[in-house]
C-alpha atoms as a PDB file:
ATOM      1  CA  MET A   1     -31.939 101.675  70.225  1.00  0.00           C
ATOM      2  CA  PRO A   2     -33.167 104.991  68.852  1.00  0.00           C
ATOM      3  CA  LEU A   3     -36.484 106.129  70.299  1.00  0.00           C
ATOM      4  CA  LEU A   4     -38.092 108.853  68.267  1.00  0.00           C
ATOM      5  CA  LEU A   5     -40.583 110.112  70.811  1.00  0.00           C
ATOM      6  CA  SER A   6     -38.271 111.782  73.285  1.00  0.00           C
ATOM      7  CA  PRO A   7     -34.795 112.954  72.217  1.00  0.00           C
ATOM      8  CA  PRO A   8     -32.290 112.853  75.055  1.00  0.00           C
ATOM      9  CA  SER A   9     -31.547 116.149  76.749  1.00  0.00           C
ATOM     10  CA  THR A  10     -28.030 117.474  77.076  1.00  0.00           C
ATOM     11  CA  THR A  11     -26.402 119.442  79.863  1.00  0.00           C
ATOM     12  CA  CYS A  12     -23.368 121.658  79.824  1.00  0.00           C
ATOM     13  CA  PRO A  13     -20.688 121.089  82.485  1.00  0.00           C
ATOM     14  CA  HIS A  14     -19.791 124.102  84.569  1.00  0.00           C
ATOM     15  CA  ALA A  15     -16.292 124.757  85.965  1.00  0.00           C
ATOM     16  CA  PHE A  16     -15.824 126.651  89.211  1.00  0.00           C
ATOM     17  CA  LEU A  17     -12.707 128.804  89.647  1.00  0.00           C
ATOM     18  CA  SER A  18     -13.192 128.753  93.406  1.00  0.00           C
ATOM     19  CA  PRO A  19     -15.246 126.688  95.852  1.00  0.00           C
ATOM     20  CA  PRO A  20     -18.869 127.791  95.904  1.00  0.00           C
ATOM     21  CA  ALA A  21     -19.975 129.902  98.863  1.00  0.00           C
ATOM     22  CA  PRO A  22     -22.086 128.218 101.553  1.00  0.00           C
ATOM     23  CA  PRO A  23     -25.826 128.577 100.914  1.00  0.00           C
ATOM     24  CA  MET A  24     -27.555 131.595 102.451  1.00  0.00           C
ATOM     25  CA  PRO A  25     -30.328 130.774 104.918  1.00  0.00           C
ATOM     26  CA  LEU A  26     -33.769 131.253 103.378  1.00  0.00           C
ATOM     27  CA  PRO A  27     -35.979 133.889 105.006  1.00  0.00           C
ATOM     28  CA  ARG A  28     -39.144 132.638 106.641  1.00  0.00           C
ATOM     29  CA  LEU A  29     -42.265 133.762 104.829  1.00  0.00           C
ATOM     30  CA  SER A  30     -45.563 134.416 106.524  1.00  0.00           C
ATOM     31  CA  PRO A  31     -48.758 132.828 105.138  1.00  0.00           C
ATOM     32  CA  LEU A  32     -49.723 136.252 103.796  1.00  0.00           C
ATOM     33  CA  HIS A  33     -46.448 136.572 101.871  1.00  0.00           C
ATOM     34  CA  ILE A  34     -46.911 133.060 100.477  1.00  0.00           C
ATOM     35  CA  ARG A  35     -50.448 133.851  99.287  1.00  0.00           C
ATOM     36  CA  ARG A  36     -49.260 137.060  97.668  1.00  0.00           C
ATOM     37  CA  ARG A  37     -46.415 135.231  95.955  1.00  0.00           C
ATOM     38  CA  LEU A  38     -48.751 132.577  94.583  1.00  0.00           C
ATOM     39  CA  ALA A  39     -51.118 135.264  93.356  1.00  0.00           C
ATOM     40  CA  SER A  40     -48.292 137.061  91.535  1.00  0.00           C
ATOM     41  CA  LEU A  41     -47.213 133.797  89.909  1.00  0.00           C
ATOM     42  CA  ALA A  42     -50.774 133.185  88.740  1.00  0.00           C
ATOM     43  CA  VAL A  43     -50.903 136.660  87.192  1.00  0.00           C
ATOM     44  CA  ALA A  44     -47.533 136.094  85.493  1.00  0.00           C
ATOM     45  CA  ALA A  45     -48.782 132.797  84.087  1.00  0.00           C
ATOM     46  CA  ALA A  46     -51.885 134.514  82.726  1.00  0.00           C
ATOM     47  CA  VAL A  47     -49.733 137.176  81.071  1.00  0.00           C
ATOM     48  CA  ARG A  48     -47.585 134.481  79.464  1.00  0.00           C
ATOM     49  CA  GLN A  49     -50.755 132.751  78.231  1.00  0.00           C
ATOM     50  CA  ASP A  50     -51.876 136.004  76.625  1.00  0.00           C
ATOM     51  CA  THR A  51     -48.633 136.226  74.644  1.00  0.00           C
ATOM     52  CA  ILE A  52     -49.685 133.263  72.482  1.00  0.00           C
ATOM     53  CA  VAL A  53     -50.497 134.359  68.943  1.00  0.00           C
ATOM     54  CA  TRP A  54     -53.866 132.832  68.057  1.00  0.00           C
ATOM     55  CA  THR A  55     -54.828 132.359  64.413  1.00  0.00           C
ATOM     56  CA  PRO A  56     -58.553 132.104  63.535  1.00  0.00           C
ATOM     57  CA  ALA A  57     -59.370 129.314  61.103  1.00  0.00           C
ATOM     58  CA  LEU A  58     -62.460 127.648  59.668  1.00  0.00           C
ATOM     59  CA  LEU A  59     -63.439 124.059  60.280  1.00  0.00           C
ATOM     60  CA  SER A  60     -63.668 122.307  56.922  1.00  0.00           C
ATOM     61  CA  GLU A  61     -64.730 118.895  58.242  1.00  0.00           C
ATOM     62  CA  VAL A  62     -66.131 117.394  61.441  1.00  0.00           C
ATOM     63  CA  GLU A  63     -66.948 113.718  60.962  1.00  0.00           C
ATOM     64  CA  PRO A  64     -67.112 110.599  63.162  1.00  0.00           C
ATOM     65  CA  ALA A  65     -63.925 108.523  62.855  1.00  0.00           C
ATOM     66  CA  ALA A  66     -64.775 105.768  65.368  1.00  0.00           C
ATOM     67  CA  ALA A  67     -66.690 105.457  68.642  1.00  0.00           C
ATOM     68  CA  SER A  68     -66.002 108.665  70.640  1.00  0.00           C
ATOM     69  CA  LEU A  69     -63.443 109.769  68.017  1.00  0.00           C
ATOM     70  CA  PHE A  70     -63.871 112.512  65.439  1.00  0.00           C
ATOM     71  CA  HIS A  71     -61.961 113.463  62.327  1.00  0.00           C
ATOM     72  CA  ILE A  72     -61.415 117.236  62.419  1.00  0.00           C
ATOM     73  CA  SER A  73     -60.040 119.202  59.481  1.00  0.00           C
ATOM     74  CA  VAL A  74     -59.078 122.880  59.814  1.00  0.00           C
ATOM     75  CA  ASP A  75     -58.460 125.229  56.890  1.00  0.00           C
ATOM     76  CA  VAL A  76     -55.196 127.126  57.390  1.00  0.00           C
ATOM     77  CA  SER A  77     -54.759 128.129  53.748  1.00  0.00           C
ATOM     78  CA  ASP A  78     -55.016 131.824  54.712  1.00  0.00           C
ATOM     79  CA  SER A  79     -52.068 131.446  57.103  1.00  0.00           C
ATOM     80  CA  SER A  80     -49.130 130.195  55.076  1.00  0.00           C
ATOM     81  CA  GLU A  81     -46.732 130.826  57.954  1.00  0.00           C
ATOM     82  CA  LEU A  82     -48.735 128.600  60.304  1.00  0.00           C
ATOM     83  CA  ALA A  83     -49.148 125.890  57.669  1.00  0.00           C
ATOM     84  CA  GLY A  84     -45.437 125.985  56.854  1.00  0.00           C
ATOM     85  CA  SER A  85     -44.420 125.638  60.489  1.00  0.00           C
ATOM     86  CA  HIS A  86     -45.637 122.037  60.496  1.00  0.00           C
ATOM     87  CA  ASN A  87     -42.476 120.381  59.213  1.00  0.00           C
ATOM     88  CA  ARG A  88     -42.243 117.112  61.172  1.00  0.00           C
ATOM     89  CA  PRO A  89     -44.689 114.375  62.114  1.00  0.00           C
ATOM     90  CA  GLY A  90     -45.314 114.248  65.836  1.00  0.00           C
ATOM     91  CA  GLN A  91     -45.783 117.989  66.291  1.00  0.00           C
ATOM     92  CA  TYR A  92     -48.835 119.435  68.022  1.00  0.00           C
ATOM     93  CA  LEU A  93     -50.593 122.698  68.800  1.00  0.00           C
ATOM     94  CA  GLN A  94     -53.239 124.254  70.996  1.00  0.00           C
ATOM     95  CA  LEU A  95     -56.769 124.755  69.727  1.00  0.00           C
ATOM     96  CA  ARG A  96     -59.489 126.781  71.394  1.00  0.00           C
ATOM     97  CA  VAL A  97     -63.165 127.166  70.658  1.00  0.00           C
ATOM     98  CA  PRO A  98     -65.662 129.898  71.652  1.00  0.00           C
ATOM     99  CA  ASP A  99     -66.846 129.777  75.273  1.00  0.00           C
ATOM    100  CA  ALA A 100     -64.499 126.899  76.211  1.00  0.00           C
ATOM    101  CA  PRO A 101     -62.644 127.524  79.487  1.00  0.00           C
ATOM    102  CA  LYS A 102     -59.217 126.556  78.172  1.00  0.00           C
ATOM    103  CA  PRO A 103     -57.522 125.398  74.956  1.00  0.00           C
ATOM    104  CA  SER A 104     -56.904 121.765  74.100  1.00  0.00           C
ATOM    105  CA  PHE A 105     -53.542 120.305  73.092  1.00  0.00           C
ATOM    106  CA  LEU A 106     -53.908 118.241  69.913  1.00  0.00           C
ATOM    107  CA  ALA A 107     -51.376 116.195  67.970  1.00  0.00           C
ATOM    108  CA  ILE A 108     -51.494 116.902  64.229  1.00  0.00           C
ATOM    109  CA  ALA A 109     -52.628 113.720  62.485  1.00  0.00           C
ATOM    110  CA  SER A 110     -51.964 114.793  58.903  1.00  0.00           C
ATOM    111  CA  PRO A 111     -48.481 114.699  57.364  1.00  0.00           C
ATOM    112  CA  PRO A 112     -46.704 118.050  56.836  1.00  0.00           C
ATOM    113  CA  SER A 113     -47.123 117.634  53.081  1.00  0.00           C
ATOM    114  CA  LEU A 114     -50.908 118.030  53.413  1.00  0.00           C
ATOM    115  CA  ALA A 115     -50.598 121.490  54.950  1.00  0.00           C
ATOM    116  CA  ALA A 116     -48.096 122.461  52.270  1.00  0.00           C
ATOM    117  CA  SER A 117     -50.249 121.234  49.370  1.00  0.00           C
ATOM    118  CA  THR A 118     -53.824 121.924  50.513  1.00  0.00           C
ATOM    119  CA  GLY A 119     -53.535 124.236  53.523  1.00  0.00           C
ATOM    120  CA  ARG A 120     -55.180 121.828  55.960  1.00  0.00           C
ATOM    121  CA  PHE A 121     -54.415 120.470  59.395  1.00  0.00           C
ATOM    122  CA  GLU A 122     -56.190 117.250  60.337  1.00  0.00           C
ATOM    123  CA  PHE A 123     -56.730 115.921  63.851  1.00  0.00           C
ATOM    124  CA  LEU A 124     -58.157 112.814  65.477  1.00  0.00           C
ATOM    125  CA  VAL A 125     -60.021 114.073  68.532  1.00  0.00           C
ATOM    126  CA  LYS A 126     -61.404 112.043  71.402  1.00  0.00           C
ATOM    127  CA  SER A 127     -64.625 113.557  72.697  1.00  0.00           C
ATOM    128  CA  VAL A 128     -64.489 113.572  76.490  1.00  0.00           C
ATOM    129  CA  GLU A 129     -67.458 114.951  78.412  1.00  0.00           C
ATOM    130  CA  GLY A 130     -66.941 118.407  79.845  1.00  0.00           C
ATOM    131  CA  THR A 131     -63.749 119.165  77.903  1.00  0.00           C
ATOM    132  CA  THR A 132     -62.772 121.519  75.096  1.00  0.00           C
ATOM    133  CA  ALA A 133     -62.432 118.440  72.894  1.00  0.00           C
ATOM    134  CA  GLU A 134     -66.130 117.683  73.398  1.00  0.00           C
ATOM    135  CA  ALA A 135     -67.039 121.261  72.468  1.00  0.00           C
ATOM    136  CA  LEU A 136     -64.855 121.024  69.367  1.00  0.00           C
ATOM    137  CA  CYS A 137     -66.451 117.784  68.209  1.00  0.00           C
ATOM    138  CA  ALA A 138     -69.906 119.404  68.546  1.00  0.00           C
ATOM    139  CA  LEU A 139     -69.027 122.187  66.076  1.00  0.00           C
ATOM    140  CA  LYS A 140     -69.883 122.111  62.380  1.00  0.00           C
ATOM    141  CA  ARG A 141     -68.210 122.874  59.096  1.00  0.00           C
ATOM    142  CA  GLY A 142     -67.688 126.615  58.727  1.00  0.00           C
ATOM    143  CA  ASP A 143     -67.392 127.318  62.450  1.00  0.00           C
ATOM    144  CA  VAL A 144     -64.365 129.307  63.582  1.00  0.00           C
ATOM    145  CA  VAL A 145     -61.688 128.004  65.941  1.00  0.00           C
ATOM    146  CA  GLU A 146     -58.338 129.468  66.940  1.00  0.00           C
ATOM    147  CA  LEU A 147     -54.967 127.775  66.628  1.00  0.00           C
ATOM    148  CA  SER A 148     -51.707 128.429  68.429  1.00  0.00           C
ATOM    149  CA  PRO A 149     -48.358 128.134  66.643  1.00  0.00           C
ATOM    150  CA  VAL A 150     -47.199 124.584  65.958  1.00  0.00           C
ATOM    151  CA  MET A 151     -45.185 123.193  68.864  1.00  0.00           C
ATOM    152  CA  GLY A 152     -42.708 120.427  69.531  1.00  0.00           C
ATOM    153  CA  LYS A 153     -39.739 118.954  67.690  1.00  0.00           C
ATOM    154  CA  GLY A 154     -41.712 115.977  66.408  1.00  0.00           C
ATOM    155  CA  PHE A 155     -40.251 112.621  65.445  1.00  0.00           C
ATOM    156  CA  ASP A 156     -36.607 112.909  64.409  1.00  0.00           C
ATOM    157  CA  ILE A 157     -36.570 110.507  61.467  1.00  0.00           C
ATOM    158  CA  ALA A 158     -32.850 111.128  60.953  1.00  0.00           C
ATOM    159  CA  ARG A 159     -32.186 109.072  64.075  1.00  0.00           C
ATOM    160  CA  ILE A 160     -33.196 105.882  62.248  1.00  0.00           C
ATOM    161  CA  ASP A 161     -31.442 106.643  58.962  1.00  0.00           C
ATOM    162  CA  PRO A 162     -30.115 105.153  56.823  1.00  0.00           C
ATOM    163  CA  PRO A 163     -32.665 102.302  56.642  1.00  0.00           C
ATOM    164  CA  LYS A 164     -29.970  99.655  56.162  1.00  0.00           C
ATOM    165  CA  ASP A 165     -28.543 100.527  59.588  1.00  0.00           C
ATOM    166  CA  TYR A 166     -31.955 100.430  61.275  1.00  0.00           C
ATOM    167  CA  PRO A 167     -33.856  97.628  59.530  1.00  0.00           C
ATOM    168  CA  THR A 168     -36.302  97.138  62.431  1.00  0.00           C
ATOM    169  CA  VAL A 169     -38.805  99.707  63.684  1.00  0.00           C
ATOM    170  CA  PHE A 170     -41.515  98.966  66.270  1.00  0.00           C
ATOM    171  CA  ILE A 171     -44.423 101.380  66.630  1.00  0.00           C
ATOM    172  CA  PHE A 172     -46.867 101.173  69.530  1.00  0.00           C
ATOM    173  CA  ALA A 173     -50.110 103.157  69.742  1.00  0.00           C
ATOM    174  CA  THR A 174     -53.266 102.989  71.813  1.00  0.00           C
ATOM    175  CA  GLY A 175     -56.558 104.830  71.363  1.00  0.00           C
ATOM    176  CA  SER A 176     -56.254 108.326  69.951  1.00  0.00           C
ATOM    177  CA  GLY A 177     -52.477 107.979  70.230  1.00  0.00           C
ATOM    178  CA  ILE A 178     -52.681 106.701  66.643  1.00  0.00           C
ATOM    179  CA  SER A 179     -53.092 110.348  65.565  1.00  0.00           C
ATOM    180  CA  PRO A 180     -49.391 111.391  65.339  1.00  0.00           C
ATOM    181  CA  ILE A 181     -48.524 107.854  64.200  1.00  0.00           C
ATOM    182  CA  ARG A 182     -50.653 108.422  61.109  1.00  0.00           C
ATOM    183  CA  SER A 183     -48.601 111.561  60.445  1.00  0.00           C
ATOM    184  CA  LEU A 184     -45.386 109.560  60.851  1.00  0.00           C
ATOM    185  CA  ILE A 185     -46.427 106.749  58.511  1.00  0.00           C
ATOM    186  CA  GLU A 186     -47.860 109.019  55.826  1.00  0.00           C
ATOM    187  CA  SER A 187     -44.842 111.314  55.961  1.00  0.00           C
ATOM    188  CA  GLY A 188     -42.701 108.311  55.067  1.00  0.00           C
ATOM    189  CA  PHE A 189     -39.603 106.944  56.760  1.00  0.00           C
ATOM    190  CA  SER A 190     -38.503 104.409  54.103  1.00  0.00           C
ATOM    191  CA  ALA A 191     -40.465 101.572  55.725  1.00  0.00           C
ATOM    192  CA  ASP A 192     -40.386  99.627  52.461  1.00  0.00           C
ATOM    193  CA  LYS A 193     -36.573  99.602  52.623  1.00  0.00           C
ATOM    194  CA  ARG A 194     -36.524  98.027  56.094  1.00  0.00           C
ATOM    195  CA  SER A 195     -36.914  94.345  56.888  1.00  0.00           C
ATOM    196  CA  ASP A 196     -39.341  94.579  59.825  1.00  0.00           C
ATOM    197  CA  VAL A 197     -41.620  97.537  60.515  1.00  0.00           C
ATOM    198  CA  ARG A 198     -44.623  96.798  62.723  1.00  0.00           C
ATOM    199  CA  LEU A 199     -47.397  98.913  64.190  1.00  0.00           C
ATOM    200  CA  TYR A 200     -49.080  97.471  67.285  1.00  0.00           C
ATOM    201  CA  TYR A 201     -52.359  99.388  67.534  1.00  0.00           C
ATOM    202  CA  GLY A 202     -54.471  98.722  70.612  1.00  0.00           C
ATOM    203  CA  VAL A 203     -58.099  99.666  71.272  1.00  0.00           C
ATOM    204  CA  ARG A 204     -61.058  98.123  73.094  1.00  0.00           C
ATOM    205  CA  ASN A 205     -62.837  96.823  69.968  1.00  0.00           C
ATOM    206  CA  LEU A 206     -63.049  97.438  66.235  1.00  0.00           C
ATOM    207  CA  GLN A 207     -65.737 100.077  66.726  1.00  0.00           C
ATOM    208  CA  ARG A 208     -63.117 102.206  68.504  1.00  0.00           C
ATOM    209  CA  MET A 209     -60.364 101.684  65.934  1.00  0.00           C
ATOM    210  CA  ALA A 210     -59.770 104.720  63.727  1.00  0.00           C
ATOM    211  CA  TYR A 211     -58.130 104.783  60.287  1.00  0.00           C
ATOM    212  CA  GLN A 212     -59.077 101.227  59.326  1.00  0.00           C
ATOM    213  CA  ASP A 213     -59.683 102.553  55.802  1.00  0.00           C
ATOM    214  CA  ARG A 214     -55.992 103.512  55.640  1.00  0.00           C
ATOM    215  CA  PHE A 215     -54.527 100.179  56.711  1.00  0.00           C
ATOM    216  CA  LYS A 216     -54.042  98.822  53.185  1.00  0.00           C
ATOM    217  CA  THR A 217     -52.221 101.981  52.122  1.00  0.00           C
ATOM    218  CA  TRP A 218     -50.033 101.857  55.224  1.00  0.00           C
ATOM    219  CA  GLU A 219     -49.169  98.211  54.621  1.00  0.00           C
ATOM    220  CA  SER A 220     -48.330  98.946  50.981  1.00  0.00           C
ATOM    221  CA  SER A 221     -45.793 101.471  52.268  1.00  0.00           C
ATOM    222  CA  GLY A 222     -44.057  98.726  54.249  1.00  0.00           C
ATOM    223  CA  VAL A 223     -45.749  98.920  57.665  1.00  0.00           C
ATOM    224  CA  LYS A 224     -47.250  95.674  58.996  1.00  0.00           C
ATOM    225  CA  ILE A 225     -50.405  96.466  61.008  1.00  0.00           C
ATOM    226  CA  VAL A 226     -51.063  94.387  64.136  1.00  0.00           C
ATOM    227  CA  PRO A 227     -54.486  95.328  65.580  1.00  0.00           C
ATOM    228  CA  VAL A 228     -54.843  94.379  69.257  1.00  0.00           C
ATOM    229  CA  LEU A 229     -58.287  94.352  70.918  1.00  0.00           C
ATOM    230  CA  SER A 230     -58.652  94.302  74.704  1.00  0.00           C
ATOM    231  CA  GLN A 231     -62.402  93.504  74.614  1.00  0.00           C
ATOM    232  CA  PRO A 232     -63.017  91.960  71.183  1.00  0.00           C
ATOM    233  CA  ASP A 233     -66.376  90.994  69.779  1.00  0.00           C
ATOM    234  CA  ASP A 234     -67.234  87.371  69.083  1.00  0.00           C
ATOM    235  CA  GLY A 235     -65.478  86.051  66.018  1.00  0.00           C
ATOM    236  CA  TRP A 236     -62.295  88.112  66.406  1.00  0.00           C
ATOM    237  CA  THR A 237     -59.303  85.902  65.619  1.00  0.00           C
ATOM    238  CA  GLY A 238     -56.533  88.469  65.878  1.00  0.00           C
ATOM    239  CA  GLU A 239     -54.415  89.612  68.814  1.00  0.00           C
ATOM    240  CA  THR A 240     -56.171  90.260  72.123  1.00  0.00           C
ATOM    241  CA  GLY A 241     -55.264  91.938  75.393  1.00  0.00           C
ATOM    242  CA  TYR A 242     -52.792  94.815  75.419  1.00  0.00           C
ATOM    243  CA  VAL A 243     -50.212  95.804  72.833  1.00  0.00           C
ATOM    244  CA  GLN A 244     -47.283  95.209  75.169  1.00  0.00           C
ATOM    245  CA  ALA A 245     -48.469  91.626  75.761  1.00  0.00           C
ATOM    246  CA  ALA A 246     -48.991  91.063  72.036  1.00  0.00           C
ATOM    247  CA  PHE A 247     -45.457  92.243  71.365  1.00  0.00           C
ATOM    248  CA  SER A 248     -44.058  89.923  74.026  1.00  0.00           C
ATOM    249  CA  ARG A 249     -45.976  86.967  72.585  1.00  0.00           C
ATOM    250  CA  ALA A 250     -44.535  87.587  69.127  1.00  0.00           C
ATOM    251  CA  LYS A 251     -41.026  86.812  70.411  1.00  0.00           C
ATOM    252  CA  LYS A 252     -39.410  88.205  67.276  1.00  0.00           C
ATOM    253  CA  ALA A 253     -35.624  88.421  67.384  1.00  0.00           C
ATOM    254  CA  PHE A 254     -34.156  91.890  66.940  1.00  0.00           C
ATOM    255  CA  THR A 255     -30.903  93.704  67.547  1.00  0.00           C
ATOM    256  CA  PRO A 256     -31.525  96.639  69.921  1.00  0.00           C
ATOM    257  CA  MET A 257     -28.746  98.838  68.549  1.00  0.00           C
ATOM    258  CA  SER A 258     -30.237  98.679  65.047  1.00  0.00           C
ATOM    259  CA  THR A 259     -33.888  98.993  66.113  1.00  0.00           C
ATOM    260  CA  GLY A 260     -36.066 102.085  66.387  1.00  0.00           C
ATOM    261  CA  ALA A 261     -39.094 102.352  68.672  1.00  0.00           C
ATOM    262  CA  VAL A 262     -41.979 104.828  68.706  1.00  0.00           C
ATOM    263  CA  LEU A 263     -44.599 104.897  71.464  1.00  0.00           C
ATOM    264  CA  CYS A 264     -47.761 106.968  71.705  1.00  0.00           C
ATOM    265  CA  GLY A 265     -50.698 106.174  73.943  1.00  0.00           C
ATOM    266  CA  GLN A 266     -51.591 105.179  77.458  1.00  0.00           C
ATOM    267  CA  LYS A 267     -49.045 105.746  80.199  1.00  0.00           C
ATOM    268  CA  GLN A 268     -49.399 102.138  81.391  1.00  0.00           C
ATOM    269  CA  MET A 269     -48.344 100.874  77.967  1.00  0.00           C
ATOM    270  CA  THR A 270     -45.205 102.997  78.098  1.00  0.00           C
ATOM    271  CA  GLU A 271     -44.342 101.813  81.591  1.00  0.00           C
ATOM    272  CA  ASP A 272     -44.930  98.155  80.727  1.00  0.00           C
ATOM    273  CA  LEU A 273     -42.786  98.348  77.607  1.00  0.00           C
ATOM    274  CA  ARG A 274     -40.083  99.964  79.678  1.00  0.00           C
ATOM    275  CA  ALA A 275     -39.828  96.672  81.547  1.00  0.00           C
ATOM    276  CA  THR A 276     -39.471  94.571  78.381  1.00  0.00           C
ATOM    277  CA  ARG A 277     -36.340  93.867  76.374  1.00  0.00           C
ATOM    278  CA  ILE A 278     -36.965  97.105  74.450  1.00  0.00           C
ATOM    279  CA  GLY A 279     -36.997  99.200  77.613  1.00  0.00           C
ATOM    280  CA  GLY A 280     -34.150  97.336  79.277  1.00  0.00           C
ATOM    281  CA  LEU A 281     -31.779  97.766  76.359  1.00  0.00           C
ATOM    282  CA  CYS A 282     -32.877 101.133  75.047  1.00  0.00           C
ATOM    283  CA  ARG A 283     -30.375 103.836  75.943  1.00  0.00           C
ATOM    284  CA  LEU A 284     -32.904 106.650  75.542  1.00  0.00           C
ATOM    285  CA  LYS A 285     -35.841 107.644  77.676  1.00  0.00           C
ATOM    286  CA  PHE A 286     -39.435 106.991  76.743  1.00  0.00           C
ATOM    287  CA  GLY A 287     -41.519 110.072  76.140  1.00  0.00           C
ATOM    288  CA  ALA A 288     -44.796 111.094  77.721  1.00  0.00           C
ATOM    289  CA  ALA A 289     -47.966 109.419  76.564  1.00  0.00           C
ATOM    290  CA  CYS A 290     -49.683 111.270  73.734  1.00  0.00           C
ATOM    291  CA  ASP A 291     -53.089 110.822  75.358  1.00  0.00           C
ATOM    292  CA  GLU A 292     -51.861 113.161  78.091  1.00  0.00           C
ATOM    293  CA  LEU A 293     -51.999 116.026  75.586  1.00  0.00           C
ATOM    294  CA  ARG A 294     -55.793 115.941  75.662  1.00  0.00           C
END
């Protein structure tokens, strides 16, 4: 079963012409030597941090998207190279704001086509007290932030092509993990040419669910939306609990070798799904939770 979030790594075999020599005994280091070594590593790390090329950019929009979530739009039209480097959904970058102690890793929520056509990056940012994300969400239109180069390989859509060979795709997202999933859906992966494409999107309640205004457009592209609320308000008649439980309750038949799976959200969700039929039959490893970027 292809899993788009974490491509498998490869290793190269090494041949030895002669048996390897026995290991040399390691010298004993005094506490002073250890402290000096750690200090030198810290300096080296700081130097590497300084090698990042930061691009200043203006905020073009800072608006509430849901409870504790903000829609952030950054104008990168003056940096065509940066805008053009976003070529796959699922990529991310670092963003820093004035006076913040460290940058924040953010998944790019907009599809690559938006940067190409309008020169904008869009993000869904969870405001967490005491973090760079909180400082970012407190800024206003016209304020300046700095962006690192775009990072990551993103979702490799080619791994579930052609659609006739992979008619089933399951997408799982929790909280702000819906951010790169929006990029995936709006980039397009021929969902309308597949027989069963479902997004299980879990949050606490509807007040915390972002992108509800996009659901109809997503469904028209071939993606069935399954909202899952862990603490629903009175009157909610949809799925409740956690997304992994909702998926298990559905009991839909699928063929693992012709099914794709995408996961982005809480670590517990990833671990629980690993124990289901998807995890047991998937030949690839699950990737890290997207919420861990923040």
